[in-house]
Each structure stands twice: as C-alpha cells, then as structure tokens.
Amino acid sequence: MSTTITHELRHTVTAGWLLRLSGNKSPRRNHWQTKIIYFRAAAELLVTRPGAPLTWKSIVAAARPHGCRSTFYEVAGSHARHRMVDDLIADGRPDSVQLALRYLRTDPVEQLLDETKVWSYWPHRQQLLAYYAAHDLPPAAMATALTDTVATWGRQNEALAAAVSHTPPAGAVEDLTILHQGRLAAVRAAAQLSDVLRHSSGAR
C-alpha cells in the first residue's frame, strides 16, 4: 500500500506543475525563474514589513534584480501564465477540481502567496518523500509525518505560513487527500492543515 501511495505522491498535479516549470533550463523567457523573483519578494516583505499591506506595487518594488507591473501580472492574477490552479482544473478529477476551487483567487497577491507557499514548502516535501521511501509506513503514520512536516515548515516560515488566514501549501493539501485515499475531501484537508499552522505559530 505505501509503495502505491508513494508513487501517487510523486505524480501529483501540484508536483507536475512545479517540476514542469522548474525543469525549463532555458536562460531566455524562463517563466519559473520569473515566478521565483516575485515569490522571494513577497516572502521577504512579509518578514521585513510585518503588518504593512502587501500590494502588487510593494512586491514589484522589492523584486530583484528588477520588477515591473507587466511581469508581475504574468505570474499572478486571472490572466497569469502557468497558474497552479489551471493545472488542477485541467486535471479534471473531483479532488483536483475541489482543490482548485479552494485556491482560486480574485486577488492576484493572494494567488501569488499560494504559489509562494508551494515553492517554499517544496524542499520540506522532498525530504518527506525521501523519509517515506526509507520507511515502510502505514498511511496513518505517513499522514502524521506530513502534518509534522507542515508544522515544521510553518515554524520556520512563520510570516508566510500565516499569510492569507494560514492557508496551507496546496501541495501538502493534495498529498494529505492522497494519504487518506478518498476519505478526506480537499476542503477538509486544507482546514486541518490550516489548524496545524495556527497551532504551530501559537495563533488562535
């Protein structure tokens, strides 16, 4: 069972989205690298300017080596290219569509933060998958390890984790639904992991 689940985890929609974009090594028009510029800017602003409104203008101003309105809206907003939610919708399976609806935003900054969380969480997820591969765990133990990993990420990235009402990384939510093998809806999985992030930061 754990081998089958591990295979599913390595081929999630979120994983496919991230690996497809990050796998582009072309130095010209590398959309993933453009996204990372804005991911870093948003994450840094949350830390360095706590409580200050996060806007597209402040993110563009903080983007290095340079940001501009046009590239910001290439990576965030309803007309952005290669949105994570579009891959989830295109997948078409009920869990994927439900997850997409949970993360479908009208605010481009919130959409950027959702993707920033996935990018920031990804190294933790890779370590978790390596742990799964090294240990033959039942699904319940795998779910506990995932919850612990999300909590650790939240403690290490407190400002980002708290953004958008402690919304968890979409990749972690998708993974948790897989570990529960159809017995946990994406909306409930997201709510559970939001509670984990609130608890890890001491928020009420």
N, C-alpha and C. Protein backbone atom coordinates (compact mmCIF):
# COMPACT_ATOMS: atom_id res chain seq x y z
N MET A 1 0.82 -1.21 0.00
CA MET A 1 0.00 0.00 0.00
C MET A 1 0.86 1.26 0.00
N SER A 2 1.88 1.31 0.90
CA SER A 2 2.69 2.52 0.99
C SER A 2 3.45 2.78 -0.31
N THR A 3 3.85 1.69 -1.01
CA THR A 3 4.55 1.87 -2.29
C THR A 3 3.65 2.52 -3.31
N THR A 4 2.39 2.08 -3.36
CA THR A 4 1.43 2.67 -4.29
C THR A 4 1.18 4.13 -3.96
N ILE A 5 1.02 4.42 -2.68
CA ILE A 5 0.77 5.80 -2.26
C ILE A 5 1.98 6.68 -2.57
N THR A 6 3.17 6.17 -2.30
CA THR A 6 4.38 6.95 -2.59
C THR A 6 4.46 7.27 -4.08
N HIS A 7 4.08 6.31 -4.92
CA HIS A 7 4.06 6.57 -6.36
C HIS A 7 3.07 7.68 -6.69
N GLU A 8 1.90 7.64 -6.08
CA GLU A 8 0.90 8.68 -6.31
C GLU A 8 1.42 10.05 -5.87
N LEU A 9 2.12 10.07 -4.75
CA LEU A 9 2.64 11.34 -4.23
C LEU A 9 3.69 11.94 -5.17
N ARG A 10 4.41 11.09 -5.86
CA ARG A 10 5.43 11.59 -6.78
C ARG A 10 4.83 12.08 -8.09
N HIS A 11 3.55 11.83 -8.28
CA HIS A 11 2.91 12.21 -9.54
C HIS A 11 1.64 13.02 -9.30
N THR A 12 1.67 13.87 -8.29
CA THR A 12 0.51 14.73 -8.04
C THR A 12 0.45 15.84 -9.08
N VAL A 13 -0.70 16.48 -9.14
CA VAL A 13 -0.86 17.60 -10.07
C VAL A 13 0.07 18.75 -9.68
N THR A 14 0.14 19.03 -8.39
CA THR A 14 1.00 20.12 -7.92
C THR A 14 2.46 19.83 -8.24
N ALA A 15 2.87 18.59 -8.04
CA ALA A 15 4.25 18.21 -8.37
C ALA A 15 4.51 18.37 -9.86
N GLY A 16 3.55 17.95 -10.67
CA GLY A 16 3.72 18.07 -12.11
C GLY A 16 3.84 19.52 -12.55
N TRP A 17 3.04 20.38 -11.93
CA TRP A 17 3.10 21.82 -12.24
C TRP A 17 4.47 22.39 -11.91
N LEU A 18 4.94 22.12 -10.70
CA LEU A 18 6.21 22.70 -10.27
C LEU A 18 7.38 22.13 -11.08
N LEU A 19 7.39 20.83 -11.28
CA LEU A 19 8.52 20.20 -11.97
C LEU A 19 8.55 20.59 -13.46
N ARG A 20 7.37 20.75 -14.04
CA ARG A 20 7.32 21.15 -15.45
C ARG A 20 7.91 22.55 -15.63
N LEU A 21 7.55 23.46 -14.75
CA LEU A 21 8.05 24.83 -14.89
C LEU A 21 9.51 24.94 -14.46
N SER A 22 9.86 24.31 -13.35
CA SER A 22 11.24 24.42 -12.86
C SER A 22 12.21 23.64 -13.73
N GLY A 23 11.70 22.71 -14.53
CA GLY A 23 12.57 21.92 -15.39
C GLY A 23 13.03 22.65 -16.64
N ASN A 24 12.47 23.83 -16.88
CA ASN A 24 12.88 24.63 -18.03
C ASN A 24 14.22 25.31 -17.71
N LYS A 25 15.28 24.88 -18.36
CA LYS A 25 16.61 25.42 -18.08
C LYS A 25 17.03 26.52 -19.05
N SER A 26 16.13 26.91 -19.92
CA SER A 26 16.47 27.95 -20.89
C SER A 26 16.70 29.28 -20.18
N PRO A 27 17.81 29.95 -20.46
CA PRO A 27 18.07 31.24 -19.80
C PRO A 27 17.16 32.35 -20.31
N ARG A 28 16.51 32.13 -21.44
CA ARG A 28 15.63 33.15 -22.01
C ARG A 28 14.18 32.78 -21.76
N ARG A 29 13.41 33.75 -21.29
CA ARG A 29 11.97 33.56 -21.04
C ARG A 29 11.72 32.36 -20.14
N ASN A 30 12.49 32.30 -19.06
CA ASN A 30 12.30 31.22 -18.09
C ASN A 30 11.24 31.67 -17.10
N HIS A 31 10.02 31.18 -17.30
CA HIS A 31 8.89 31.66 -16.51
C HIS A 31 9.03 31.30 -15.04
N TRP A 32 9.60 30.14 -14.75
CA TRP A 32 9.76 29.74 -13.36
C TRP A 32 10.70 30.68 -12.61
N GLN A 33 11.78 31.06 -13.25
CA GLN A 33 12.71 31.98 -12.60
C GLN A 33 12.05 33.34 -12.37
N THR A 34 11.19 33.75 -13.29
CA THR A 34 10.44 34.99 -13.08
C THR A 34 9.51 34.86 -11.89
N LYS A 35 8.84 33.72 -11.79
CA LYS A 35 7.97 33.48 -10.63
C LYS A 35 8.78 33.56 -9.33
N ILE A 36 9.95 32.94 -9.31
CA ILE A 36 10.76 32.90 -8.09
C ILE A 36 11.15 34.31 -7.65
N ILE A 37 11.42 35.19 -8.60
CA ILE A 37 11.75 36.58 -8.25
C ILE A 37 10.62 37.18 -7.41
N TYR A 38 9.39 36.94 -7.82
CA TYR A 38 8.25 37.51 -7.09
C TYR A 38 7.91 36.70 -5.84
N PHE A 39 8.14 35.38 -5.87
CA PHE A 39 7.97 34.59 -4.65
C PHE A 39 8.88 35.12 -3.54
N ARG A 40 10.14 35.32 -3.88
CA ARG A 40 11.11 35.79 -2.88
C ARG A 40 10.75 37.18 -2.37
N ALA A 41 10.35 38.04 -3.29
CA ALA A 41 10.00 39.41 -2.88
C ALA A 41 8.83 39.40 -1.91
N ALA A 42 7.80 38.62 -2.22
CA ALA A 42 6.62 38.57 -1.34
C ALA A 42 6.98 37.99 0.02
N ALA A 43 7.74 36.89 0.02
CA ALA A 43 8.11 36.25 1.29
C ALA A 43 8.96 37.18 2.14
N GLU A 44 9.88 37.90 1.52
CA GLU A 44 10.75 38.81 2.27
C GLU A 44 9.96 39.98 2.84
N LEU A 45 9.02 40.51 2.08
CA LEU A 45 8.22 41.63 2.58
C LEU A 45 7.39 41.24 3.79
N LEU A 46 6.88 40.02 3.79
CA LEU A 46 6.10 39.56 4.94
C LEU A 46 6.94 39.55 6.22
N VAL A 47 8.23 39.29 6.05
CA VAL A 47 9.13 39.24 7.21
C VAL A 47 9.62 40.63 7.60
N THR A 48 10.02 41.41 6.60
CA THR A 48 10.66 42.70 6.89
C THR A 48 9.67 43.83 7.14
N ARG A 49 8.43 43.66 6.66
CA ARG A 49 7.42 44.70 6.87
C ARG A 49 6.14 44.09 7.44
N PRO A 50 6.25 43.49 8.62
CA PRO A 50 5.06 42.84 9.20
C PRO A 50 3.95 43.86 9.45
N GLY A 51 2.76 43.49 9.06
CA GLY A 51 1.62 44.37 9.27
C GLY A 51 1.38 45.36 8.16
N ALA A 52 2.38 45.57 7.31
CA ALA A 52 2.20 46.51 6.19
C ALA A 52 1.40 45.83 5.09
N PRO A 53 0.53 46.58 4.42
CA PRO A 53 -0.25 45.98 3.32
C PRO A 53 0.68 45.44 2.23
N LEU A 54 0.39 44.23 1.78
CA LEU A 54 1.16 43.63 0.70
C LEU A 54 0.40 43.87 -0.60
N THR A 55 0.98 44.64 -1.49
CA THR A 55 0.32 45.00 -2.74
C THR A 55 1.22 44.64 -3.92
N TRP A 56 0.64 44.66 -5.10
CA TRP A 56 1.47 44.37 -6.27
C TRP A 56 2.57 45.41 -6.42
N LYS A 57 2.29 46.64 -6.03
CA LYS A 57 3.30 47.69 -6.15
C LYS A 57 4.47 47.45 -5.19
N SER A 58 4.15 47.06 -3.95
CA SER A 58 5.24 46.82 -2.99
C SER A 58 6.06 45.60 -3.39
N ILE A 59 5.40 44.59 -3.95
CA ILE A 59 6.12 43.39 -4.38
C ILE A 59 7.01 43.71 -5.58
N VAL A 60 6.49 44.46 -6.54
CA VAL A 60 7.29 44.85 -7.71
C VAL A 60 8.50 45.67 -7.27
N ALA A 61 8.29 46.58 -6.31
CA ALA A 61 9.40 47.42 -5.84
C ALA A 61 10.47 46.59 -5.14
N ALA A 62 10.06 45.49 -4.49
CA ALA A 62 11.01 44.66 -3.75
C ALA A 62 11.67 43.59 -4.61
N ALA A 63 11.13 43.36 -5.80
CA ALA A 63 11.65 42.30 -6.67
C ALA A 63 13.06 42.64 -7.15
N ARG A 64 13.93 41.63 -7.08
CA ARG A 64 15.31 41.82 -7.52
C ARG A 64 15.66 40.78 -8.59
N PRO A 65 16.43 41.15 -9.63
CA PRO A 65 17.13 42.43 -9.79
C PRO A 65 16.22 43.58 -10.20
N HIS A 66 15.07 43.29 -10.77
CA HIS A 66 14.13 44.36 -11.10
C HIS A 66 12.76 43.74 -11.31
N GLY A 67 11.75 44.49 -10.94
CA GLY A 67 10.38 44.04 -11.15
C GLY A 67 9.61 45.07 -11.95
N CYS A 68 8.52 44.65 -12.53
CA CYS A 68 7.67 45.60 -13.23
C CYS A 68 6.24 45.05 -13.25
N ARG A 69 5.31 45.93 -13.47
CA ARG A 69 3.90 45.56 -13.43
C ARG A 69 3.58 44.44 -14.42
N SER A 70 4.13 44.52 -15.62
CA SER A 70 3.77 43.55 -16.65
C SER A 70 4.23 42.14 -16.27
N THR A 71 5.45 42.01 -15.74
CA THR A 71 5.90 40.66 -15.37
C THR A 71 5.19 40.17 -14.11
N PHE A 72 4.82 41.09 -13.21
CA PHE A 72 4.05 40.65 -12.04
C PHE A 72 2.76 39.99 -12.49
N TYR A 73 2.07 40.62 -13.42
CA TYR A 73 0.79 40.07 -13.86
C TYR A 73 0.95 38.90 -14.83
N GLU A 74 2.17 38.64 -15.26
CA GLU A 74 2.42 37.39 -15.98
C GLU A 74 2.44 36.20 -15.04
N VAL A 75 2.79 36.45 -13.77
CA VAL A 75 2.90 35.34 -12.81
C VAL A 75 1.76 35.31 -11.80
N ALA A 76 0.96 36.36 -11.72
CA ALA A 76 -0.14 36.40 -10.75
C ALA A 76 -1.36 37.06 -11.38
N GLY A 77 -2.52 36.65 -10.93
CA GLY A 77 -3.75 37.23 -11.45
C GLY A 77 -4.50 36.28 -12.38
N SER A 78 -5.69 36.68 -12.75
CA SER A 78 -6.58 35.80 -13.51
C SER A 78 -6.06 35.48 -14.90
N HIS A 79 -5.20 36.34 -15.45
CA HIS A 79 -4.68 36.10 -16.79
C HIS A 79 -3.21 35.69 -16.77
N ALA A 80 -2.72 35.29 -15.61
CA ALA A 80 -1.32 34.89 -15.49
C ALA A 80 -1.06 33.60 -16.27
N ARG A 81 0.17 33.44 -16.69
CA ARG A 81 0.56 32.23 -17.41
C ARG A 81 0.94 31.14 -16.41
N HIS A 82 0.59 29.91 -16.74
CA HIS A 82 1.01 28.73 -15.97
C HIS A 82 0.61 28.81 -14.50
N ARG A 83 -0.65 29.12 -14.25
CA ARG A 83 -1.13 29.14 -12.87
C ARG A 83 -1.28 27.71 -12.34
N MET A 84 -0.97 27.54 -11.09
CA MET A 84 -1.13 26.24 -10.45
C MET A 84 -2.59 25.78 -10.52
N VAL A 85 -3.52 26.69 -10.26
CA VAL A 85 -4.94 26.30 -10.25
C VAL A 85 -5.40 25.83 -11.61
N ASP A 86 -4.80 26.35 -12.68
CA ASP A 86 -5.21 25.92 -14.02
C ASP A 86 -4.83 24.46 -14.26
N ASP A 87 -3.69 24.04 -13.74
CA ASP A 87 -3.31 22.63 -13.86
C ASP A 87 -4.27 21.74 -13.08
N LEU A 88 -4.69 22.20 -11.91
CA LEU A 88 -5.63 21.43 -11.11
C LEU A 88 -6.98 21.31 -11.82
N ILE A 89 -7.45 22.40 -12.39
CA ILE A 89 -8.72 22.38 -13.11
C ILE A 89 -8.62 21.46 -14.33
N ALA A 90 -7.51 21.58 -15.06
CA ALA A 90 -7.32 20.77 -16.27
C ALA A 90 -7.25 19.28 -15.96
N ASP A 91 -6.77 18.94 -14.77
CA ASP A 91 -6.70 17.52 -14.39
C ASP A 91 -8.09 16.88 -14.39
N GLY A 92 -9.07 17.64 -13.93
CA GLY A 92 -10.46 17.22 -14.06
C GLY A 92 -11.00 16.26 -13.02
N ARG A 93 -10.13 15.63 -12.24
CA ARG A 93 -10.64 14.71 -11.22
C ARG A 93 -11.30 15.51 -10.10
N PRO A 94 -12.32 14.94 -9.45
CA PRO A 94 -13.06 15.70 -8.44
C PRO A 94 -12.18 16.31 -7.36
N ASP A 95 -11.22 15.55 -6.83
CA ASP A 95 -10.35 16.10 -5.78
C ASP A 95 -9.52 17.27 -6.30
N SER A 96 -9.05 17.16 -7.53
CA SER A 96 -8.24 18.24 -8.11
C SER A 96 -9.08 19.50 -8.32
N VAL A 97 -10.28 19.32 -8.83
CA VAL A 97 -11.16 20.47 -9.06
C VAL A 97 -11.54 21.12 -7.74
N GLN A 98 -11.84 20.30 -6.74
CA GLN A 98 -12.18 20.85 -5.42
C GLN A 98 -11.00 21.63 -4.84
N LEU A 99 -9.80 21.10 -5.03
CA LEU A 99 -8.61 21.80 -4.55
C LEU A 99 -8.42 23.11 -5.30
N ALA A 100 -8.65 23.08 -6.61
CA ALA A 100 -8.53 24.30 -7.40
C ALA A 100 -9.51 25.37 -6.92
N LEU A 101 -10.74 24.96 -6.64
CA LEU A 101 -11.74 25.92 -6.17
C LEU A 101 -11.35 26.51 -4.82
N ARG A 102 -10.68 25.71 -4.00
CA ARG A 102 -10.22 26.21 -2.70
C ARG A 102 -9.15 27.29 -2.87
N TYR A 103 -8.36 27.18 -3.94
CA TYR A 103 -7.24 28.10 -4.14
C TYR A 103 -7.48 29.09 -5.29
N LEU A 104 -8.67 29.13 -5.81
CA LEU A 104 -8.97 30.08 -6.89
C LEU A 104 -9.20 31.45 -6.27
N ARG A 105 -8.39 32.41 -6.65
CA ARG A 105 -8.40 33.74 -6.02
C ARG A 105 -8.80 34.82 -7.01
N THR A 106 -9.44 35.86 -6.48
CA THR A 106 -9.67 37.07 -7.27
C THR A 106 -8.55 38.09 -7.04
N ASP A 107 -7.85 37.96 -5.92
CA ASP A 107 -6.76 38.87 -5.58
C ASP A 107 -5.44 38.28 -6.09
N PRO A 108 -4.76 38.95 -7.03
CA PRO A 108 -3.52 38.39 -7.57
C PRO A 108 -2.42 38.23 -6.52
N VAL A 109 -2.40 39.09 -5.50
CA VAL A 109 -1.38 38.95 -4.46
C VAL A 109 -1.62 37.66 -3.67
N GLU A 110 -2.87 37.36 -3.37
CA GLU A 110 -3.17 36.12 -2.65
C GLU A 110 -2.82 34.91 -3.51
N GLN A 111 -3.09 35.00 -4.80
CA GLN A 111 -2.71 33.90 -5.69
C GLN A 111 -1.20 33.70 -5.69
N LEU A 112 -0.46 34.81 -5.73
CA LEU A 112 1.00 34.72 -5.68
C LEU A 112 1.45 34.07 -4.38
N LEU A 113 0.82 34.43 -3.28
CA LEU A 113 1.20 33.86 -1.99
C LEU A 113 0.91 32.37 -1.93
N ASP A 114 -0.19 31.93 -2.52
CA ASP A 114 -0.48 30.50 -2.57
C ASP A 114 0.64 29.74 -3.26
N GLU A 115 1.09 30.26 -4.39
CA GLU A 115 2.16 29.59 -5.12
C GLU A 115 3.50 29.75 -4.40
N THR A 116 3.69 30.88 -3.73
CA THR A 116 4.91 31.08 -2.95
C THR A 116 5.01 30.04 -1.85
N LYS A 117 3.89 29.72 -1.24
CA LYS A 117 3.90 28.70 -0.18
C LYS A 117 4.30 27.34 -0.73
N VAL A 118 3.81 26.99 -1.90
CA VAL A 118 4.19 25.71 -2.51
C VAL A 118 5.69 25.69 -2.78
N TRP A 119 6.20 26.75 -3.36
CA TRP A 119 7.64 26.86 -3.66
C TRP A 119 8.48 26.76 -2.38
N SER A 120 8.07 27.48 -1.35
CA SER A 120 8.81 27.48 -0.08
C SER A 120 8.76 26.12 0.61
N TYR A 121 7.61 25.47 0.54
CA TYR A 121 7.41 24.18 1.21
C TYR A 121 8.09 23.03 0.48
N TRP A 122 8.38 23.19 -0.79
CA TRP A 122 8.81 22.06 -1.62
C TRP A 122 10.04 21.32 -1.09
N PRO A 123 11.10 21.99 -0.64
CA PRO A 123 12.24 21.23 -0.09
C PRO A 123 11.84 20.36 1.10
N HIS A 124 10.92 20.83 1.92
CA HIS A 124 10.42 20.03 3.05
C HIS A 124 9.68 18.80 2.52
N ARG A 125 8.91 19.00 1.47
CA ARG A 125 8.17 17.87 0.88
C ARG A 125 9.13 16.84 0.31
N GLN A 126 10.18 17.29 -0.34
CA GLN A 126 11.15 16.35 -0.91
C GLN A 126 11.81 15.51 0.18
N GLN A 127 12.12 16.13 1.30
CA GLN A 127 12.68 15.39 2.43
C GLN A 127 11.66 14.39 2.98
N LEU A 128 10.40 14.80 2.99
CA LEU A 128 9.35 13.90 3.47
C LEU A 128 9.21 12.69 2.56
N LEU A 129 9.25 12.90 1.25
CA LEU A 129 9.16 11.78 0.32
C LEU A 129 10.34 10.83 0.48
N ALA A 130 11.52 11.38 0.75
CA ALA A 130 12.69 10.53 0.99
C ALA A 130 12.50 9.71 2.26
N TYR A 131 11.89 10.31 3.26
CA TYR A 131 11.59 9.60 4.51
C TYR A 131 10.60 8.47 4.26
N TYR A 132 9.58 8.75 3.47
CA TYR A 132 8.61 7.71 3.12
C TYR A 132 9.31 6.55 2.40
N ALA A 133 10.21 6.88 1.49
CA ALA A 133 10.88 5.85 0.70
C ALA A 133 11.76 4.96 1.57
N ALA A 134 12.28 5.53 2.66
CA ALA A 134 13.20 4.78 3.52
C ALA A 134 12.48 3.99 4.61
N HIS A 135 11.19 4.24 4.79
CA HIS A 135 10.43 3.58 5.86
C HIS A 135 9.10 3.07 5.30
N ASP A 136 8.80 1.83 5.58
CA ASP A 136 7.54 1.24 5.12
C ASP A 136 6.45 1.58 6.13
N LEU A 137 5.82 2.72 5.93
CA LEU A 137 4.86 3.24 6.90
C LEU A 137 3.43 2.99 6.44
N PRO A 138 2.53 2.75 7.37
CA PRO A 138 1.10 2.72 7.01
C PRO A 138 0.63 4.14 6.71
N PRO A 139 -0.47 4.27 5.97
CA PRO A 139 -0.95 5.61 5.59
C PRO A 139 -1.16 6.55 6.77
N ALA A 140 -1.64 6.04 7.90
CA ALA A 140 -1.88 6.91 9.06
C ALA A 140 -0.58 7.52 9.56
N ALA A 141 0.48 6.72 9.60
CA ALA A 141 1.78 7.24 10.03
C ALA A 141 2.35 8.22 9.01
N MET A 142 2.09 7.96 7.74
CA MET A 142 2.53 8.89 6.70
C MET A 142 1.82 10.23 6.85
N ALA A 143 0.54 10.19 7.18
CA ALA A 143 -0.22 11.43 7.37
C ALA A 143 0.30 12.20 8.58
N THR A 144 0.66 11.50 9.64
CA THR A 144 1.22 12.15 10.82
C THR A 144 2.55 12.82 10.48
N ALA A 145 3.37 12.13 9.70
CA ALA A 145 4.66 12.70 9.29
C ALA A 145 4.45 13.94 8.43
N LEU A 146 3.44 13.91 7.58
CA LEU A 146 3.13 15.08 6.75
C LEU A 146 2.71 16.25 7.63
N THR A 147 1.84 15.98 8.58
CA THR A 147 1.39 17.04 9.48
C THR A 147 2.56 17.65 10.24
N ASP A 148 3.46 16.80 10.71
CA ASP A 148 4.65 17.29 11.42
C ASP A 148 5.53 18.14 10.50
N THR A 149 5.63 17.72 9.24
CA THR A 149 6.44 18.47 8.28
C THR A 149 5.84 19.84 8.00
N VAL A 150 4.53 19.90 7.85
CA VAL A 150 3.86 21.19 7.64
C VAL A 150 4.06 22.10 8.85
N ALA A 151 3.96 21.53 10.05
CA ALA A 151 4.17 22.32 11.26
C ALA A 151 5.60 22.86 11.32
N THR A 152 6.56 22.03 10.97
CA THR A 152 7.96 22.48 10.96
C THR A 152 8.16 23.60 9.95
N TRP A 153 7.61 23.42 8.75
CA TRP A 153 7.70 24.49 7.75
C TRP A 153 7.06 25.77 8.27
N GLY A 154 5.92 25.65 8.94
CA GLY A 154 5.23 26.82 9.46
C GLY A 154 6.05 27.55 10.51
N ARG A 155 6.71 26.80 11.38
CA ARG A 155 7.55 27.45 12.40
C ARG A 155 8.75 28.14 11.78
N GLN A 156 9.29 27.57 10.71
CA GLN A 156 10.47 28.15 10.07
C GLN A 156 10.13 29.30 9.13
N ASN A 157 8.86 29.39 8.74
CA ASN A 157 8.41 30.43 7.80
C ASN A 157 7.13 31.05 8.34
N GLU A 158 7.21 31.57 9.53
CA GLU A 158 6.01 31.96 10.27
C GLU A 158 5.18 33.01 9.54
N ALA A 159 5.83 34.03 8.99
CA ALA A 159 5.08 35.10 8.33
C ALA A 159 4.38 34.60 7.08
N LEU A 160 5.09 33.83 6.29
CA LEU A 160 4.48 33.28 5.07
C LEU A 160 3.38 32.29 5.41
N ALA A 161 3.61 31.45 6.39
CA ALA A 161 2.61 30.46 6.78
C ALA A 161 1.32 31.12 7.26
N ALA A 162 1.46 32.26 7.93
CA ALA A 162 0.28 32.94 8.47
C ALA A 162 -0.49 33.72 7.41
N ALA A 163 0.14 33.99 6.28
CA ALA A 163 -0.50 34.81 5.24
C ALA A 163 -1.76 34.15 4.70
N VAL A 164 -2.71 34.97 4.32
CA VAL A 164 -3.99 34.52 3.76
C VAL A 164 -4.66 33.53 4.72
N SER A 165 -4.78 33.97 5.98
CA SER A 165 -5.51 33.19 7.01
C SER A 165 -4.94 31.79 7.22
N HIS A 166 -3.61 31.70 7.25
CA HIS A 166 -2.93 30.43 7.48
C HIS A 166 -3.30 29.36 6.45
N THR A 167 -3.53 29.80 5.22
CA THR A 167 -3.77 28.82 4.16
C THR A 167 -2.53 27.95 3.98
N PRO A 168 -2.69 26.63 3.98
CA PRO A 168 -1.52 25.75 3.85
C PRO A 168 -1.05 25.64 2.40
N PRO A 169 0.17 25.17 2.19
CA PRO A 169 0.63 24.93 0.82
C PRO A 169 -0.29 23.93 0.11
N ALA A 170 -0.70 24.27 -1.10
CA ALA A 170 -1.64 23.41 -1.82
C ALA A 170 -1.08 22.01 -2.02
N GLY A 171 0.23 21.91 -2.22
CA GLY A 171 0.83 20.59 -2.41
C GLY A 171 0.66 19.70 -1.20
N ALA A 172 0.74 20.28 -0.01
CA ALA A 172 0.55 19.50 1.21
C ALA A 172 -0.90 19.04 1.34
N VAL A 173 -1.82 19.90 0.94
CA VAL A 173 -3.24 19.53 0.98
C VAL A 173 -3.51 18.38 0.02
N GLU A 174 -2.98 18.49 -1.19
CA GLU A 174 -3.17 17.42 -2.17
C GLU A 174 -2.58 16.10 -1.65
N ASP A 175 -1.40 16.18 -1.05
CA ASP A 175 -0.77 14.98 -0.50
C ASP A 175 -1.62 14.34 0.59
N LEU A 176 -2.19 15.18 1.45
CA LEU A 176 -2.99 14.65 2.56
C LEU A 176 -4.24 13.94 2.04
N THR A 177 -4.85 14.46 1.00
CA THR A 177 -6.02 13.78 0.44
C THR A 177 -5.62 12.42 -0.14
N ILE A 178 -4.44 12.34 -0.73
CA ILE A 178 -3.97 11.06 -1.27
C ILE A 178 -3.72 10.07 -0.14
N LEU A 179 -3.12 10.52 0.93
CA LEU A 179 -2.84 9.63 2.06
C LEU A 179 -4.12 9.08 2.68
N HIS A 180 -5.20 9.83 2.58
CA HIS A 180 -6.48 9.37 3.12
C HIS A 180 -7.29 8.59 2.09
N GLN A 181 -6.74 8.43 0.88
CA GLN A 181 -7.32 7.54 -0.13
C GLN A 181 -8.82 7.77 -0.36
N GLY A 182 -9.17 9.03 -0.60
CA GLY A 182 -10.55 9.35 -0.94
C GLY A 182 -11.48 9.55 0.24
N ARG A 183 -10.96 9.43 1.45
CA ARG A 183 -11.82 9.57 2.63
C ARG A 183 -11.74 10.95 3.27
N LEU A 184 -10.97 11.85 2.66
CA LEU A 184 -10.84 13.20 3.18
C LEU A 184 -10.90 14.18 2.02
N ALA A 185 -11.93 15.02 2.02
CA ALA A 185 -12.09 16.00 0.95
C ALA A 185 -11.01 17.07 1.04
N ALA A 186 -10.70 17.67 -0.09
CA ALA A 186 -9.64 18.69 -0.13
C ALA A 186 -9.95 19.86 0.79
N VAL A 187 -11.21 20.25 0.86
CA VAL A 187 -11.58 21.38 1.73
C VAL A 187 -11.29 21.05 3.19
N ARG A 188 -11.62 19.83 3.59
CA ARG A 188 -11.35 19.42 4.98
C ARG A 188 -9.86 19.26 5.23
N ALA A 189 -9.14 18.74 4.24
CA ALA A 189 -7.69 18.61 4.39
C ALA A 189 -7.04 19.98 4.56
N ALA A 190 -7.51 20.96 3.77
CA ALA A 190 -6.97 22.32 3.89
C ALA A 190 -7.28 22.90 5.26
N ALA A 191 -8.48 22.66 5.76
CA ALA A 191 -8.85 23.18 7.08
C ALA A 191 -8.00 22.55 8.17
N GLN A 192 -7.75 21.26 8.06
CA GLN A 192 -6.92 20.58 9.06
C GLN A 192 -5.51 21.15 9.09
N LEU A 193 -4.93 21.37 7.91
CA LEU A 193 -3.56 21.88 7.86
C LEU A 193 -3.50 23.36 8.23
N SER A 194 -4.56 24.10 7.99
CA SER A 194 -4.62 25.48 8.48
C SER A 194 -4.56 25.49 10.01
N ASP A 195 -5.28 24.57 10.63
CA ASP A 195 -5.25 24.46 12.09
C ASP A 195 -3.85 24.09 12.58
N VAL A 196 -3.18 23.22 11.84
CA VAL A 196 -1.80 22.85 12.19
C VAL A 196 -0.90 24.08 12.18
N LEU A 197 -1.05 24.91 11.15
CA LEU A 197 -0.21 26.12 11.05
C LEU A 197 -0.54 27.12 12.16
N ARG A 198 -1.81 27.26 12.47
CA ARG A 198 -2.18 28.17 13.57
C ARG A 198 -1.59 27.68 14.89
N HIS A 199 -1.70 26.39 15.11
CA HIS A 199 -1.19 25.82 16.36
C HIS A 199 0.33 25.94 16.44
N SER A 200 1.01 25.73 15.31
CA SER A 200 2.48 25.78 15.32
C SER A 200 3.00 27.18 15.60
N SER A 201 2.20 28.19 15.25
CA SER A 201 2.62 29.57 15.49
C SER A 201 2.06 30.14 16.78
N GLY A 202 1.19 29.38 17.44
CA GLY A 202 0.58 29.86 18.67
C GLY A 202 -0.61 30.77 18.43
N ALA A 203 -1.05 30.88 17.16
CA ALA A 203 -2.21 31.73 16.85
C ALA A 203 -3.49 31.04 17.29
N ARG A 204 -4.51 31.85 17.54
CA ARG A 204 -5.81 31.32 17.96
C ARG A 204 -6.75 31.26 16.78
